[in-house]
PDB file of N, CA and C in Angstrom:
ATOM      1  N   MET A   1      17.170   2.062  20.078  1.00  0.00           N
ATOM      2  CA  MET A   1      16.489   1.093  19.258  1.00  0.00           C
ATOM      3  C   MET A   1      17.500   0.236  18.520  1.00  0.00           C
ATOM      4  N   LEU A   2      18.519   0.897  17.972  1.00  0.00           N
ATOM      5  CA  LEU A   2      19.529   0.182  17.206  1.00  0.00           C
ATOM      6  C   LEU A   2      20.291  -0.804  18.079  1.00  0.00           C
ATOM      7  N   LEU A   3      20.631  -0.390  19.289  1.00  0.00           N
ATOM      8  CA  LEU A   3      21.411  -1.253  20.172  1.00  0.00           C
ATOM      9  C   LEU A   3      20.606  -2.430  20.716  1.00  0.00           C
ATOM     10  N   LEU A   4      19.318  -2.247  20.901  1.00  0.00           N
ATOM     11  CA  LEU A   4      18.505  -3.278  21.532  1.00  0.00           C
ATOM     12  C   LEU A   4      17.671  -4.107  20.558  1.00  0.00           C
ATOM     13  N   ALA A   5      17.755  -3.840  19.266  1.00  0.00           N
ATOM     14  CA  ALA A   5      16.885  -4.525  18.312  1.00  0.00           C
ATOM     15  C   ALA A   5      17.101  -6.039  18.312  1.00  0.00           C
ATOM     16  N   LEU A   6      18.326  -6.477  18.299  1.00  0.00           N
ATOM     17  CA  LEU A   6      18.590  -7.923  18.288  1.00  0.00           C
ATOM     18  C   LEU A   6      18.164  -8.584  19.593  1.00  0.00           C
ATOM     19  N   ILE A   7      18.488  -7.952  20.703  1.00  0.00           N
ATOM     20  CA  ILE A   7      18.100  -8.502  22.003  1.00  0.00           C
ATOM     21  C   ILE A   7      16.586  -8.546  22.130  1.00  0.00           C
ATOM     22  N   ALA A   8      15.925  -7.482  21.696  1.00  0.00           N
ATOM     23  CA  ALA A   8      14.464  -7.426  21.772  1.00  0.00           C
ATOM     24  C   ALA A   8      13.826  -8.490  20.891  1.00  0.00           C
ATOM     25  N   GLY A   9      14.406  -8.740  19.725  1.00  0.00           N
ATOM     26  CA  GLY A   9      13.888  -9.800  18.854  1.00  0.00           C
ATOM     27  C   GLY A   9      14.002 -11.167  19.493  1.00  0.00           C
ATOM     28  N   VAL A  10      15.122 -11.429  20.135  1.00  0.00           N
ATOM     29  CA  VAL A  10      15.312 -12.713  20.821  1.00  0.00           C
ATOM     30  C   VAL A  10      14.318 -12.850  21.967  1.00  0.00           C
ATOM     31  N   ILE A  11      14.158 -11.790  22.737  1.00  0.00           N
ATOM     32  CA  ILE A  11      13.220 -11.838  23.865  1.00  0.00           C
ATOM     33  C   ILE A  11      11.803 -12.072  23.360  1.00  0.00           C
ATOM     34  N   SER A  12      11.410 -11.389  22.288  1.00  0.00           N
ATOM     35  CA  SER A  12      10.041 -11.560  21.797  1.00  0.00           C
ATOM     36  C   SER A  12       9.827 -12.943  21.195  1.00  0.00           C
ATOM     37  N   ASP A  13      10.891 -13.578  20.689  1.00  0.00           N
ATOM     38  CA  ASP A  13      10.763 -14.952  20.204  1.00  0.00           C
ATOM     39  C   ASP A  13      10.694 -15.952  21.347  1.00  0.00           C
ATOM     40  N   ARG A  14      11.386 -15.682  22.418  1.00  0.00           N
ATOM     41  CA  ARG A  14      11.463 -16.628  23.536  1.00  0.00           C
ATOM     42  C   ARG A  14      10.247 -16.579  24.449  1.00  0.00           C
ATOM     43  N   VAL A  15       9.716 -15.401  24.674  1.00  0.00           N
ATOM     44  CA  VAL A  15       8.560 -15.279  25.564  1.00  0.00           C
ATOM     45  C   VAL A  15       7.303 -15.113  24.729  1.00  0.00           C
ATOM     46  N   GLN A  16       6.184 -15.282  25.345  1.00  0.00           N
ATOM     47  CA  GLN A  16       4.917 -15.119  24.639  1.00  0.00           C
ATOM     48  C   GLN A  16       4.763 -13.663  24.244  1.00  0.00           C
ATOM     49  N   SER A  17       4.716 -13.387  22.946  1.00  0.00           N
ATOM     50  CA  SER A  17       4.733 -12.013  22.446  1.00  0.00           C
ATOM     51  C   SER A  17       3.563 -11.182  22.945  1.00  0.00           C
ATOM     52  N   GLU A  18       2.372 -11.757  22.980  1.00  0.00           N
ATOM     53  CA  GLU A  18       1.208 -10.975  23.379  1.00  0.00           C
ATOM     54  C   GLU A  18       1.337 -10.497  24.816  1.00  0.00           C
ATOM     55  N   GLY A  19       1.744 -11.383  25.720  1.00  0.00           N
ATOM     56  CA  GLY A  19       1.873 -11.000  27.123  1.00  0.00           C
ATOM     57  C   GLY A  19       3.015 -10.043  27.359  1.00  0.00           C
ATOM     58  N   PHE A  20       4.136 -10.264  26.686  1.00  0.00           N
ATOM     59  CA  PHE A  20       5.303  -9.405  26.882  1.00  0.00           C
ATOM     60  C   PHE A  20       5.041  -8.021  26.325  1.00  0.00           C
ATOM     61  N   GLY A  21       4.573  -7.940  25.067  1.00  0.00           N
ATOM     62  CA  GLY A  21       4.352  -6.645  24.436  1.00  0.00           C
ATOM     63  C   GLY A  21       3.183  -5.894  25.026  1.00  0.00           C
ATOM     64  N   SER A  22       2.102  -6.596  25.255  1.00  0.00           N
ATOM     65  CA  SER A  22       0.891  -5.925  25.706  1.00  0.00           C
ATOM     66  C   SER A  22       0.929  -5.597  27.187  1.00  0.00           C
ATOM     67  N   SER A  23       1.340  -6.539  27.978  1.00  0.00           N
ATOM     68  CA  SER A  23       1.233  -6.357  29.422  1.00  0.00           C
ATOM     69  C   SER A  23       2.482  -5.752  30.047  1.00  0.00           C
ATOM     70  N   PHE A  24       3.587  -6.460  29.972  1.00  0.00           N
ATOM     71  CA  PHE A  24       4.781  -6.052  30.699  1.00  0.00           C
ATOM     72  C   PHE A  24       5.322  -4.713  30.217  1.00  0.00           C
ATOM     73  N   CYS A  25       5.526  -4.581  28.913  1.00  0.00           N
ATOM     74  CA  CYS A  25       6.136  -3.348  28.392  1.00  0.00           C
ATOM     75  C   CYS A  25       5.233  -2.139  28.597  1.00  0.00           C
ATOM     76  N   ARG A  26       3.961  -2.299  28.353  1.00  0.00           N
ATOM     77  CA  ARG A  26       3.053  -1.154  28.518  1.00  0.00           C
ATOM     78  C   ARG A  26       2.855  -0.788  29.982  1.00  0.00           C
ATOM     79  N   ALA A  27       2.812  -1.787  30.860  1.00  0.00           N
ATOM     80  CA  ALA A  27       2.704  -1.489  32.293  1.00  0.00           C
ATOM     81  C   ALA A  27       3.967  -0.780  32.781  1.00  0.00           C
ATOM     82  N   THR A  28       5.120  -1.219  32.296  1.00  0.00           N
ATOM     83  CA  THR A  28       6.373  -0.567  32.677  1.00  0.00           C
ATOM     84  C   THR A  28       6.423   0.863  32.149  1.00  0.00           C
ATOM     85  N   ALA A  29       5.996   1.071  30.903  1.00  0.00           N
ATOM     86  CA  ALA A  29       5.967   2.416  30.335  1.00  0.00           C
ATOM     87  C   ALA A  29       5.001   3.309  31.113  1.00  0.00           C
ATOM     88  N   CYS A  30       3.876   2.761  31.518  1.00  0.00           N
ATOM     89  CA  CYS A  30       2.906   3.521  32.311  1.00  0.00           C
ATOM     90  C   CYS A  30       3.502   3.900  33.665  1.00  0.00           C
ATOM     91  N   ALA A  31       4.193   2.960  34.301  1.00  0.00           N
ATOM     92  CA  ALA A  31       4.815   3.245  35.594  1.00  0.00           C
ATOM     93  C   ALA A  31       5.902   4.310  35.460  1.00  0.00           C
ATOM     94  N   LEU A  32       6.676   4.250  34.378  1.00  0.00           N
ATOM     95  CA  LEU A  32       7.708   5.268  34.166  1.00  0.00           C
ATOM     96  C   LEU A  32       7.087   6.641  33.921  1.00  0.00           C
ATOM     97  N   GLY A  33       6.010   6.693  33.147  1.00  0.00           N
ATOM     98  CA  GLY A  33       5.319   7.963  32.922  1.00  0.00           C
ATOM     99  C   GLY A  33       4.747   8.531  34.207  1.00  0.00           C
ATOM    100  N   ALA A  34       4.176   7.655  35.024  1.00  0.00           N
ATOM    101  CA  ALA A  34       3.637   8.106  36.310  1.00  0.00           C
ATOM    102  C   ALA A  34       4.762   8.571  37.224  1.00  0.00           C
ATOM    103  N   GLY A  35       5.881   7.872  37.184  1.00  0.00           N
ATOM    104  CA  GLY A  35       7.027   8.281  37.999  1.00  0.00           C
ATOM    105  C   GLY A  35       7.555   9.645  37.604  1.00  0.00           C
ATOM    106  N   LEU A  36       7.611   9.903  36.311  1.00  0.00           N
ATOM    107  CA  LEU A  36       8.059  11.211  35.838  1.00  0.00           C
ATOM    108  C   LEU A  36       7.055  12.290  36.227  1.00  0.00           C
ATOM    109  N   ALA A  37       5.770  11.993  36.156  1.00  0.00           N
ATOM    110  CA  ALA A  37       4.754  12.969  36.559  1.00  0.00           C
ATOM    111  C   ALA A  37       4.861  13.282  38.052  1.00  0.00           C
ATOM    112  N   VAL A  38       5.094  12.248  38.854  1.00  0.00           N
ATOM    113  CA  VAL A  38       5.257  12.468  40.298  1.00  0.00           C
ATOM    114  C   VAL A  38       6.506  13.292  40.579  1.00  0.00           C
ATOM    115  N   ALA A  39       7.597  12.976  39.884  1.00  0.00           N
ATOM    116  CA  ALA A  39       8.835  13.753  40.064  1.00  0.00           C
ATOM    117  C   ALA A  39       8.611  15.213  39.681  1.00  0.00           C
ATOM    118  N   ALA A  40       7.863  15.444  38.620  1.00  0.00           N
ATOM    119  CA  ALA A  40       7.575  16.822  38.212  1.00  0.00           C
ATOM    120  C   ALA A  40       6.674  17.520  39.224  1.00  0.00           C
ATOM    121  N   TYR A  41       5.671  16.808  39.730  1.00  0.00           N
ATOM    122  CA  TYR A  41       4.766  17.387  40.717  1.00  0.00           C
ATOM    123  C   TYR A  41       5.514  17.782  41.986  1.00  0.00           C
ATOM    124  N   LEU A  42       6.476  16.948  42.374  1.00  0.00           N
ATOM    125  CA  LEU A  42       7.256  17.225  43.572  1.00  0.00           C
ATOM    126  C   LEU A  42       8.429  18.168  43.309  1.00  0.00           C
ATOM    127  N   LYS A  43       8.485  18.686  42.076  1.00  0.00           N
ATOM    128  CA  LYS A  43       9.521  19.619  41.640  1.00  0.00           C
ATOM    129  C   LYS A  43      10.932  19.011  41.716  1.00  0.00           C
ATOM    130  N   HIS A  44      11.014  17.710  41.386  1.00  0.00           N
ATOM    131  CA  HIS A  44      12.294  17.007  41.319  1.00  0.00           C
ATOM    132  C   HIS A  44      12.672  16.663  39.889  1.00  0.00           C
ATOM    133  N   ALA A  45      11.999  17.243  38.915  1.00  0.00           N
ATOM    134  CA  ALA A  45      12.246  16.914  37.506  1.00  0.00           C
ATOM    135  C   ALA A  45      13.425  17.726  36.984  1.00  0.00           C
ATOM    136  N   THR A  46      14.589  17.419  37.485  1.00  0.00           N
ATOM    137  CA  THR A  46      15.807  18.050  36.978  1.00  0.00           C
ATOM    138  C   THR A  46      16.120  17.472  35.602  1.00  0.00           C
ATOM    139  N   PRO A  47      16.990  18.107  34.848  1.00  0.00           N
ATOM    140  CA  PRO A  47      17.316  17.544  33.530  1.00  0.00           C
ATOM    141  C   PRO A  47      17.795  16.095  33.594  1.00  0.00           C
ATOM    142  N   TRP A  48      18.582  15.734  34.597  1.00  0.00           N
ATOM    143  CA  TRP A  48      19.067  14.353  34.679  1.00  0.00           C
ATOM    144  C   TRP A  48      17.956  13.371  35.025  1.00  0.00           C
ATOM    145  N   VAL A  49      16.991  13.786  35.812  1.00  0.00           N
ATOM    146  CA  VAL A  49      15.847  12.921  36.120  1.00  0.00           C
ATOM    147  C   VAL A  49      15.030  12.687  34.858  1.00  0.00           C
ATOM    148  N   VAL A  50      14.776  13.748  34.098  1.00  0.00           N
ATOM    149  CA  VAL A  50      14.020  13.616  32.854  1.00  0.00           C
ATOM    150  C   VAL A  50      14.785  12.749  31.850  1.00  0.00           C
ATOM    151  N   ILE A  51      16.095  12.952  31.746  1.00  0.00           N
ATOM    152  CA  ILE A  51      16.904  12.147  30.827  1.00  0.00           C
ATOM    153  C   ILE A  51      16.877  10.681  31.239  1.00  0.00           C
ATOM    154  N   THR A  52      16.961  10.412  32.534  1.00  0.00           N
ATOM    155  CA  THR A  52      16.928   9.027  33.013  1.00  0.00           C
ATOM    156  C   THR A  52      15.591   8.363  32.692  1.00  0.00           C
ATOM    157  N   PHE A  53      14.491   9.046  32.981  1.00  0.00           N
ATOM    158  CA  PHE A  53      13.177   8.486  32.664  1.00  0.00           C
ATOM    159  C   PHE A  53      13.018   8.287  31.154  1.00  0.00           C
ATOM    160  N   THR A  54      13.500   9.227  30.368  1.00  0.00           N
ATOM    161  CA  THR A  54      13.413   9.110  28.915  1.00  0.00           C
ATOM    162  C   THR A  54      14.242   7.941  28.411  1.00  0.00           C
ATOM    163  N   PHE A  55      15.428   7.749  28.955  1.00  0.00           N
ATOM    164  CA  PHE A  55      16.283   6.625  28.572  1.00  0.00           C
ATOM    165  C   PHE A  55      15.612   5.296  28.902  1.00  0.00           C
ATOM    166  N   LEU A  56      15.060   5.191  30.113  1.00  0.00           N
ATOM    167  CA  LEU A  56      14.379   3.958  30.503  1.00  0.00           C
ATOM    168  C   LEU A  56      13.136   3.701  29.656  1.00  0.00           C
ATOM    169  N   GLU A  57      12.402   4.757  29.349  1.00  0.00           N
ATOM    170  CA  GLU A  57      11.225   4.626  28.483  1.00  0.00           C
ATOM    171  C   GLU A  57      11.634   4.176  27.082  1.00  0.00           C
ATOM    172  N   GLY A  58      12.758   4.694  26.585  1.00  0.00           N
ATOM    173  CA  GLY A  58      13.269   4.265  25.287  1.00  0.00           C
ATOM    174  C   GLY A  58      13.626   2.796  25.270  1.00  0.00           C
ATOM    175  N   ILE A  59      14.216   2.307  26.355  1.00  0.00           N
ATOM    176  CA  ILE A  59      14.528   0.877  26.449  1.00  0.00           C
ATOM    177  C   ILE A  59      13.251   0.050  26.412  1.00  0.00           C
ATOM    178  N   VAL A  60      12.245   0.481  27.149  1.00  0.00           N
ATOM    179  CA  VAL A  60      10.974  -0.250  27.176  1.00  0.00           C
ATOM    180  C   VAL A  60      10.358  -0.318  25.784  1.00  0.00           C
ATOM    181  N   TRP A  61      10.317   0.814  25.073  1.00  0.00           N
ATOM    182  CA  TRP A  61       9.687   0.817  23.751  1.00  0.00           C
ATOM    183  C   TRP A  61      10.539   0.096  22.717  1.00  0.00           C
ATOM    184  N   ALA A  62      11.860   0.072  22.898  1.00  0.00           N
ATOM    185  CA  ALA A  62      12.708  -0.715  22.001  1.00  0.00           C
ATOM    186  C   ALA A  62      12.441  -2.203  22.180  1.00  0.00           C
ATOM    187  N   LEU A  63      12.191  -2.628  23.410  1.00  0.00           N
ATOM    188  CA  LEU A  63      11.849  -4.028  23.662  1.00  0.00           C
ATOM    189  C   LEU A  63      10.428  -4.345  23.209  1.00  0.00           C
ATOM    190  N   ASN A  64       9.558  -3.362  23.223  1.00  0.00           N
ATOM    191  CA  ASN A  64       8.159  -3.561  22.850  1.00  0.00           C
ATOM    192  C   ASN A  64       7.970  -3.695  21.336  1.00  0.00           C
ATOM    193  N   GLY A  65       8.803  -3.011  20.548  1.00  0.00           N
ATOM    194  CA  GLY A  65       8.621  -2.989  19.097  1.00  0.00           C
ATOM    195  C   GLY A  65       8.553  -4.353  18.433  1.00  0.00           C
ATOM    196  N   PRO A  66       9.549  -5.215  18.599  1.00  0.00           N
ATOM    197  CA  PRO A  66       9.478  -6.528  17.967  1.00  0.00           C
ATOM    198  C   PRO A  66       8.325  -7.390  18.472  1.00  0.00           C
ATOM    199  N   ALA A  67       7.970  -7.238  19.741  1.00  0.00           N
ATOM    200  CA  ALA A  67       6.848  -8.015  20.269  1.00  0.00           C
ATOM    201  C   ALA A  67       5.542  -7.610  19.599  1.00  0.00           C
ATOM    202  N   ILE A  68       5.362  -6.322  19.375  1.00  0.00           N
ATOM    203  CA  ILE A  68       4.151  -5.839  18.703  1.00  0.00           C
ATOM    204  C   ILE A  68       4.139  -6.276  17.235  1.00  0.00           C
ATOM    205  N   MET A  69       5.287  -6.164  16.575  1.00  0.00           N
ATOM    206  CA  MET A  69       5.362  -6.577  15.172  1.00  0.00           C
ATOM    207  C   MET A  69       5.113  -8.081  15.007  1.00  0.00           C
ATOM    208  N   ALA A  70       5.471  -8.864  16.011  1.00  0.00           N
ATOM    209  CA  ALA A  70       5.298 -10.310  15.928  1.00  0.00           C
ATOM    210  C   ALA A  70       3.832 -10.734  16.013  1.00  0.00           C
ATOM    211  N   ILE A  71       2.980  -9.913  16.621  1.00  0.00           N
ATOM    212  CA  ILE A  71       1.583 -10.330  16.742  1.00  0.00           C
ATOM    213  C   ILE A  71       0.715  -9.869  15.573  1.00  0.00           C
ATOM    214  N   VAL A  72       1.237  -9.006  14.705  1.00  0.00           N
ATOM    215  CA  VAL A  72       0.439  -8.531  13.566  1.00  0.00           C
ATOM    216  C   VAL A  72      -0.022  -9.691  12.673  1.00  0.00           C
ATOM    217  N   PRO A  73       0.836 -10.655  12.310  1.00  0.00           N
ATOM    218  CA  PRO A  73       0.360 -11.760  11.465  1.00  0.00           C
ATOM    219  C   PRO A  73      -0.729 -12.603  12.116  1.00  0.00           C
ATOM    220  N   ALA A  74      -0.784 -12.632  13.438  1.00  0.00           N
ATOM    221  CA  ALA A  74      -1.828 -13.392  14.116  1.00  0.00           C
ATOM    222  C   ALA A  74      -3.158 -12.648  14.124  1.00  0.00           C
ATOM    223  N   LEU A  75      -3.136 -11.346  13.887  1.00  0.00           N
ATOM    224  CA  LEU A  75      -4.352 -10.542  13.960  1.00  0.00           C
ATOM    225  C   LEU A  75      -5.008 -10.290  12.608  1.00  0.00           C
ATOM    226  N   VAL A  76      -4.220 -10.413  11.526  1.00  0.00           N
ATOM    227  CA  VAL A  76      -4.687  -9.993  10.208  1.00  0.00           C
ATOM    228  C   VAL A  76      -4.692 -11.189   9.263  1.00  0.00           C
ATOM    229  N   PRO A  77      -5.736 -11.316   8.432  1.00  0.00           N
ATOM    230  CA  PRO A  77      -5.737 -12.396   7.441  1.00  0.00           C
ATOM    231  C   PRO A  77      -4.559 -12.268   6.471  1.00  0.00           C
ATOM    232  N   ARG A  78      -4.059 -13.394   5.994  1.00  0.00           N
ATOM    233  CA  ARG A  78      -2.871 -13.422   5.141  1.00  0.00           C
ATOM    234  C   ARG A  78      -2.963 -12.506   3.920  1.00  0.00           C
ATOM    235  N   PRO A  79      -4.091 -12.441   3.193  1.00  0.00           N
ATOM    236  CA  PRO A  79      -4.130 -11.570   2.011  1.00  0.00           C
ATOM    237  C   PRO A  79      -3.983 -10.079   2.323  1.00  0.00           C
ATOM    238  N   GLU A  80      -4.287  -9.671   3.538  1.00  0.00           N
ATOM    239  CA  GLU A  80      -4.204  -8.257   3.919  1.00  0.00           C
ATOM    240  C   GLU A  80      -2.965  -7.937   4.755  1.00  0.00           C
ATOM    241  N   LEU A  81      -2.056  -8.903   4.875  1.00  0.00           N
ATOM    242  CA  LEU A  81      -0.907  -8.738   5.759  1.00  0.00           C
ATOM    243  C   LEU A  81       0.030  -7.622   5.308  1.00  0.00           C
ATOM    244  N   ASP A  82       0.278  -7.505   4.008  1.00  0.00           N
ATOM    245  CA  ASP A  82       1.196  -6.463   3.537  1.00  0.00           C
ATOM    246  C   ASP A  82       0.665  -5.067   3.844  1.00  0.00           C
ATOM    247  N   ARG A  83      -0.634  -4.860   3.667  1.00  0.00           N
ATOM    248  CA  ARG A  83      -1.219  -3.554   3.981  1.00  0.00           C
ATOM    249  C   ARG A  83      -1.236  -3.299   5.485  1.00  0.00           C
ATOM    250  N   ALA A  84      -1.459  -4.335   6.272  1.00  0.00           N
ATOM    251  CA  ALA A  84      -1.478  -4.170   7.731  1.00  0.00           C
ATOM    252  C   ALA A  84      -0.095  -3.795   8.254  1.00  0.00           C
ATOM    253  N   ILE A  85       0.938  -4.429   7.723  1.00  0.00           N
ATOM    254  CA  ILE A  85       2.297  -4.102   8.155  1.00  0.00           C
ATOM    255  C   ILE A  85       2.647  -2.672   7.753  1.00  0.00           C
ATOM    256  N   ALA A  86       2.259  -2.274   6.536  1.00  0.00           N
ATOM    257  CA  ALA A  86       2.521  -0.902   6.089  1.00  0.00           C
ATOM    258  C   ALA A  86       1.771   0.109   6.951  1.00  0.00           C
ATOM    259  N   LEU A  87       0.513  -0.170   7.268  1.00  0.00           N
ATOM    260  CA  LEU A  87      -0.272   0.738   8.105  1.00  0.00           C
ATOM    261  C   LEU A  87       0.294   0.816   9.525  1.00  0.00           C
ATOM    262  N   ASN A  88       0.766  -0.307  10.033  1.00  0.00           N
ATOM    263  CA  ASN A  88       1.385  -0.323  11.351  1.00  0.00           C
ATOM    264  C   ASN A  88       2.643   0.545  11.365  1.00  0.00           C
ATOM    265  N   SER A  89       3.437   0.462  10.317  1.00  0.00           N
ATOM    266  CA  SER A  89       4.636   1.294  10.218  1.00  0.00           C
ATOM    267  C   SER A  89       4.281   2.765  10.097  1.00  0.00           C
ATOM    268  N   VAL A  90       3.251   3.080   9.314  1.00  0.00           N
ATOM    269  CA  VAL A  90       2.809   4.466   9.173  1.00  0.00           C
ATOM    270  C   VAL A  90       2.361   5.013  10.518  1.00  0.00           C
ATOM    271  N   GLN A  91       1.642   4.206  11.278  1.00  0.00           N
ATOM    272  CA  GLN A  91       1.149   4.649  12.578  1.00  0.00           C
ATOM    273  C   GLN A  91       2.302   5.012  13.506  1.00  0.00           C
ATOM    274  N   PHE A  92       3.321   4.151  13.587  1.00  0.00           N
ATOM    275  CA  PHE A  92       4.453   4.435  14.466  1.00  0.00           C
ATOM    276  C   PHE A  92       5.246   5.647  13.982  1.00  0.00           C
ATOM    277  N   ASN A  93       5.435   5.770  12.683  1.00  0.00           N
ATOM    278  CA  ASN A  93       6.197   6.904  12.155  1.00  0.00           C
ATOM    279  C   ASN A  93       5.433   8.217  12.299  1.00  0.00           C
ATOM    280  N   MET A  94       4.121   8.184  12.159  1.00  0.00           N
ATOM    281  CA  MET A  94       3.324   9.396  12.385  1.00  0.00           C
ATOM    282  C   MET A  94       3.399   9.831  13.846  1.00  0.00           C
ATOM    283  N   ALA A  95       3.413   8.862  14.758  1.00  0.00           N
ATOM    284  CA  ALA A  95       3.552   9.210  16.176  1.00  0.00           C
ATOM    285  C   ALA A  95       4.907   9.848  16.436  1.00  0.00           C
ATOM    286  N   ARG A  96       5.940   9.331  15.777  1.00  0.00           N
ATOM    287  CA  ARG A  96       7.275   9.920  15.940  1.00  0.00           C
ATOM    288  C   ARG A  96       7.352  11.318  15.344  1.00  0.00           C
ATOM    289  N   LEU A  97       6.553  11.590  14.335  1.00  0.00           N
ATOM    290  CA  LEU A  97       6.537  12.904  13.711  1.00  0.00           C
ATOM    291  C   LEU A  97       5.643  13.877  14.481  1.00  0.00           C
ATOM    292  N   CYS A  98       4.434  13.445  14.809  1.00  0.00           N
ATOM    293  CA  CYS A  98       3.451  14.344  15.420  1.00  0.00           C
ATOM    294  C   CYS A  98       3.746  14.638  16.887  1.00  0.00           C
ATOM    295  N   GLY A  99       4.331  13.683  17.617  1.00  0.00           N
ATOM    296  CA  GLY A  99       4.637  13.896  19.029  1.00  0.00           C
ATOM    297  C   GLY A  99       5.561  15.084  19.254  1.00  0.00           C
ATOM    298  N   PRO A 100       6.725  15.121  18.600  1.00  0.00           N
ATOM    299  CA  PRO A 100       7.598  16.280  18.779  1.00  0.00           C
ATOM    300  C   PRO A 100       6.990  17.578  18.254  1.00  0.00           C
ATOM    301  N   MET A 101       6.191  17.509  17.192  1.00  0.00           N
ATOM    302  CA  MET A 101       5.544  18.727  16.691  1.00  0.00           C
ATOM    303  C   MET A 101       4.557  19.268  17.722  1.00  0.00           C
ATOM    304  N   LEU A 102       3.786  18.374  18.335  1.00  0.00           N
ATOM    305  CA  LEU A 102       2.846  18.791  19.371  1.00  0.00           C
ATOM    306  C   LEU A 102       3.589  19.345  20.586  1.00  0.00           C
ATOM    307  N   ALA A 103       4.686  18.694  20.956  1.00  0.00           N
ATOM    308  CA  ALA A 103       5.483  19.189  22.082  1.00  0.00           C
ATOM    309  C   ALA A 103       6.042  20.572  21.773  1.00  0.00           C
ATOM    310  N   ALA A 104       6.493  20.792  20.551  1.00  0.00           N
ATOM    311  CA  ALA A 104       7.012  22.108  20.173  1.00  0.00           C
ATOM    312  C   ALA A 104       5.913  23.164  20.251  1.00  0.00           C
ATOM    313  N   ALA A 105       4.701  22.814  19.854  1.00  0.00           N
ATOM    314  CA  ALA A 105       3.590  23.759  19.934  1.00  0.00           C
ATOM    315  C   ALA A 105       3.267  24.105  21.380  1.00  0.00           C
ATOM    316  N   VAL A 106       3.267  23.090  22.250  1.00  0.00           N
ATOM    317  CA  VAL A 106       2.986  23.339  23.674  1.00  0.00           C
ATOM    318  C   VAL A 106       4.089  24.196  24.282  1.00  0.00           C
ATOM    319  N   ILE A 107       5.351  23.864  23.983  1.00  0.00           N
ATOM    320  CA  ILE A 107       6.466  24.654  24.520  1.00  0.00           C
ATOM    321  C   ILE A 107       6.406  26.084  23.999  1.00  0.00           C
ATOM    322  N   GLY A 108       6.045  26.248  22.728  1.00  0.00           N
ATOM    323  CA  GLY A 108       5.920  27.589  22.175  1.00  0.00           C
ATOM    324  C   GLY A 108       4.796  28.385  22.811  1.00  0.00           C
ATOM    325  N   ALA A 109       3.716  27.701  23.178  1.00  0.00           N
ATOM    326  CA  ALA A 109       2.555  28.389  23.738  1.00  0.00           C
ATOM    327  C   ALA A 109       2.705  28.697  25.221  1.00  0.00           C
ATOM    328  N   VAL A 110       3.209  27.743  26.005  1.00  0.00           N
ATOM    329  CA  VAL A 110       3.228  27.918  27.452  1.00  0.00           C
ATOM    330  C   VAL A 110       4.626  27.882  28.057  1.00  0.00           C
ATOM    331  N   GLY A 111       5.644  27.711  27.260  1.00  0.00           N
ATOM    332  CA  GLY A 111       7.016  27.670  27.775  1.00  0.00           C
ATOM    333  C   GLY A 111       7.457  26.258  28.115  1.00  0.00           C
ATOM    334  N   HIS A 112       8.742  26.105  28.331  1.00  0.00           N
ATOM    335  CA  HIS A 112       9.282  24.771  28.562  1.00  0.00           C
ATOM    336  C   HIS A 112       8.861  24.168  29.896  1.00  0.00           C
ATOM    337  N   ARG A 113       8.500  24.958  30.859  1.00  0.00           N
ATOM    338  CA  ARG A 113       8.041  24.419  32.144  1.00  0.00           C
ATOM    339  C   ARG A 113       6.562  24.066  32.110  1.00  0.00           C
ATOM    340  N   GLY A 114       5.845  24.535  31.113  1.00  0.00           N
ATOM    341  CA  GLY A 114       4.403  24.328  31.057  1.00  0.00           C
ATOM    342  C   GLY A 114       3.979  22.884  30.943  1.00  0.00           C
ATOM    343  N   GLY A 115       4.792  22.061  30.303  1.00  0.00           N
ATOM    344  CA  GLY A 115       4.428  20.658  30.143  1.00  0.00           C
ATOM    345  C   GLY A 115       4.458  19.868  31.438  1.00  0.00           C
ATOM    346  N   PHE A 116       5.245  20.309  32.404  1.00  0.00           N
ATOM    347  CA  PHE A 116       5.377  19.570  33.658  1.00  0.00           C
ATOM    348  C   PHE A 116       5.072  20.415  34.881  1.00  0.00           C
ATOM    349  N   HIS A 117       4.392  21.511  34.682  1.00  0.00           N
ATOM    350  CA  HIS A 117       4.104  22.393  35.812  1.00  0.00           C
ATOM    351  C   HIS A 117       2.716  22.092  36.351  1.00  0.00           C
ATOM    352  N   PHE A 118       2.648  21.798  37.618  1.00  0.00           N
ATOM    353  CA  PHE A 118       1.386  21.504  38.295  1.00  0.00           C
ATOM    354  C   PHE A 118       1.192  22.523  39.415  1.00  0.00           C
ATOM    355  N   GLN A 119      -0.043  22.894  39.637  1.00  0.00           N
ATOM    356  CA  GLN A 119      -0.370  23.758  40.762  1.00  0.00           C
ATOM    357  C   GLN A 119      -0.736  22.879  41.947  1.00  0.00           C
ATOM    358  N   ARG A 120      -0.124  23.127  43.074  1.00  0.00           N
ATOM    359  CA  ARG A 120      -0.481  22.374  44.290  1.00  0.00           C
ATOM    360  C   ARG A 120      -1.773  22.937  44.851  1.00  0.00           C
ATOM    361  N   VAL A 121      -2.630  22.031  45.281  1.00  0.00           N
ATOM    362  CA  VAL A 121      -3.926  22.443  45.820  1.00  0.00           C
ATOM    363  C   VAL A 121      -3.828  22.693  47.293  1.00  0.00           C
TER     364      VAL A 121
END
């Protein structure tokens, strides 16, 4: 995030923020998630494969952040903008907090392979 923040800001200023943030970044993140699921299903989810997918997903979300922040003023009336920005920040920070906690609970309950283990039919 730190390395790509300036580049992502420039990209979100140059391209249409709604299309870039909503369509391209989310479609790319979805494709990466599906790719990781397929790799896990085919039992190719080695640590380096998971790290690579995670790195690429991090790049996508780093590019998505400024684009999403840029559309908030267009969605919210001016008098409520400060609360909307604060709520948007709370939402992202709660996801960063709750996601790893949920992952830790799943790993504790079913083991580290449980999150990516599929039964072949």
